[in-house]
Amino acid sequence: MKTLKEMLNEANAEVDAVPPRAVMALVGNPDVLFIDLRDSAELAQEGKIPGAVHANRGMLEFFIDPASPFHNPVFASGKRLLFYCAGGGRSALAARTAQEMGLEVTHLQGGLKAWKEAGGPLE
C-alpha cells in the first residue's frame, strides 16, 4: 500500500508549486484561471482568490474529461490553470492527476493558508 505521504512526495516532485507572492502577480491576468478545489463549505466560510473558479476536488476528473457529462469548459480553455486548496496537499494531488489527463497545471504552494499569511486578496 502506498501512503499519503508517499503520494504527496511524488506529486510535489512532478508538479510545479508557485509561492504566494509570485501568484499574487497573476490575479486579474486574463490568461490565468485559478481553480479552487476546496469543498463548498470551506469556500463559503473563507472566501476565495478573486476570480477563482470552484471545482470541488471530488469531481475534478469528471470536470476535466471532455467526454464526461460533467465536463467544465474552463478546463479546455487553453489558459494557464493554477490549482489551490486549503494547505497545498489536495492541490498537489489534483495537479498531478490533471497532468496525467493531459493538462498543464501548477498549484499554489502552501494553499490558501499561505496565501492569506502573505496578504493575498480574497473575495
Protein backbone atom coordinates (compact mmCIF):
# COMPACT_ATOMS: atom_id res chain seq x y z
CA MET A 1 0.00 0.00 0.00
CA LYS A 2 1.23 3.47 -0.88
CA THR A 3 0.90 6.03 1.91
CA LEU A 4 -0.47 9.54 1.58
CA LYS A 5 2.97 10.91 2.42
CA GLU A 6 4.48 8.92 -0.47
CA MET A 7 1.77 10.14 -2.82
CA LEU A 8 2.29 13.76 -1.77
CA ASN A 9 6.06 13.45 -2.17
CA GLU A 10 5.60 12.06 -5.68
CA ALA A 11 3.09 14.74 -6.63
CA ASN A 12 5.28 17.54 -5.29
CA ALA A 13 8.24 16.15 -7.25
CA GLU A 14 6.23 16.19 -10.50
CA VAL A 15 4.12 19.34 -10.21
CA ASP A 16 5.29 22.93 -10.15
CA ALA A 17 4.33 24.74 -6.94
CA VAL A 18 4.26 28.53 -7.13
CA PRO A 19 4.83 30.60 -3.95
CA PRO A 20 2.04 33.00 -2.90
CA ARG A 21 3.93 36.23 -3.70
CA ALA A 22 4.52 35.09 -7.30
CA VAL A 23 0.87 34.00 -7.61
CA MET A 24 -0.35 37.43 -6.43
CA ALA A 25 1.08 38.95 -9.60
CA LEU A 26 -1.23 36.69 -11.61
CA VAL A 27 -4.53 37.85 -10.06
CA GLY A 28 -6.56 39.53 -12.79
CA ASN A 29 -4.43 38.10 -15.61
CA PRO A 30 -6.92 37.01 -18.31
CA ASP A 31 -4.63 34.15 -19.36
CA VAL A 32 -4.66 32.51 -15.91
CA LEU A 33 -7.50 30.61 -14.25
CA PHE A 34 -7.41 30.00 -10.53
CA ILE A 35 -9.16 26.73 -9.66
CA ASP A 36 -10.38 26.44 -6.06
CA LEU A 37 -10.54 22.74 -5.16
CA ARG A 38 -11.94 23.12 -1.66
CA ASP A 39 -15.36 21.94 -0.52
CA SER A 40 -18.29 24.34 -0.78
CA ALA A 41 -18.37 24.80 3.00
CA GLU A 42 -14.72 25.90 3.03
CA LEU A 43 -15.37 28.30 0.18
CA ALA A 44 -18.39 29.83 1.95
CA GLN A 45 -16.51 30.19 5.22
CA GLU A 46 -13.24 31.66 3.95
CA GLY A 47 -13.91 33.16 0.54
CA LYS A 48 -11.70 32.60 -2.49
CA ILE A 49 -8.97 34.17 -4.55
CA PRO A 50 -10.58 36.87 -6.75
CA GLY A 51 -11.94 35.40 -9.98
CA ALA A 52 -11.30 31.78 -8.97
CA VAL A 53 -13.48 29.02 -10.40
CA HIS A 54 -14.77 26.50 -7.89
CA ALA A 55 -14.21 22.85 -8.89
CA ASN A 56 -14.68 20.53 -5.95
CA ARG A 57 -11.76 18.07 -5.79
CA GLY A 58 -14.10 15.09 -5.67
CA MET A 59 -15.41 15.83 -9.17
CA LEU A 60 -12.18 17.03 -10.78
CA GLU A 61 -11.61 14.14 -13.20
CA PHE A 62 -15.23 14.42 -14.37
CA PHE A 63 -14.85 18.19 -14.89
CA ILE A 64 -11.61 17.75 -16.89
CA ASP A 65 -12.67 14.95 -19.26
CA PRO A 66 -14.38 16.43 -22.35
CA ALA A 67 -16.31 13.16 -22.81
CA SER A 68 -17.85 13.41 -19.34
CA PRO A 69 -21.37 14.79 -18.96
CA PHE A 70 -19.94 16.90 -16.12
CA HIS A 71 -17.16 18.45 -18.23
CA ASN A 72 -16.44 22.08 -17.38
CA PRO A 73 -15.19 24.05 -20.42
CA VAL A 74 -12.75 26.07 -18.28
CA PHE A 75 -10.50 23.00 -18.34
CA ALA A 76 -10.37 23.16 -22.15
CA SER A 77 -9.90 26.94 -22.30
CA GLY A 78 -6.20 26.82 -23.11
CA LYS A 79 -5.49 29.16 -20.20
CA ARG A 80 -2.86 28.55 -17.55
CA LEU A 81 -4.51 26.64 -14.71
CA LEU A 82 -3.42 27.28 -11.15
CA PHE A 83 -4.96 24.95 -8.57
CA TYR A 84 -5.25 25.68 -4.87
CA CYS A 85 -6.79 24.19 -1.75
CA ALA A 86 -6.52 24.98 1.97
CA GLY A 87 -2.95 23.84 2.59
CA GLY A 88 -1.44 22.58 -0.67
CA GLY A 89 -1.96 18.82 -0.33
CA ARG A 90 -5.15 18.39 -2.32
CA SER A 91 -3.94 20.81 -4.98
CA ALA A 92 -0.65 18.90 -5.42
CA LEU A 93 -2.50 15.60 -5.84
CA ALA A 94 -5.11 17.19 -8.11
CA ALA A 95 -2.48 18.88 -10.27
CA ARG A 96 -0.69 15.58 -10.72
CA THR A 97 -3.94 13.93 -11.79
CA ALA A 98 -4.71 16.80 -14.18
CA GLN A 99 -1.26 16.44 -15.71
CA GLU A 100 -1.85 12.70 -16.18
CA MET A 101 -5.03 13.70 -18.04
CA GLY A 102 -3.03 15.96 -20.38
CA LEU A 103 -3.34 19.41 -18.80
CA GLU A 104 -0.52 21.75 -17.86
CA VAL A 105 -1.16 22.78 -14.26
CA THR A 106 0.66 24.45 -11.41
CA HIS A 107 -0.51 24.84 -7.84
CA LEU A 108 -0.30 27.36 -5.03
CA GLN A 109 2.45 26.37 -2.61
CA GLY A 110 1.01 26.21 0.91
CA GLY A 111 -2.55 26.71 -0.31
CA LEU A 112 -4.97 29.38 0.84
CA LYS A 113 -3.38 29.38 4.30
CA ALA A 114 -0.07 30.59 2.85
CA TRP A 115 -1.96 32.97 0.55
CA LYS A 116 -3.68 34.66 3.50
CA GLU A 117 -0.44 34.78 5.52
CA ALA A 118 1.23 36.57 2.57
CA GLY A 119 -1.60 39.12 2.47
CA GLY A 120 -3.26 37.81 -0.66
CA PRO A 121 -6.69 39.27 -1.51
CA LEU A 122 -9.93 37.32 -1.05
CA GLU A 123 -13.45 37.74 -2.29
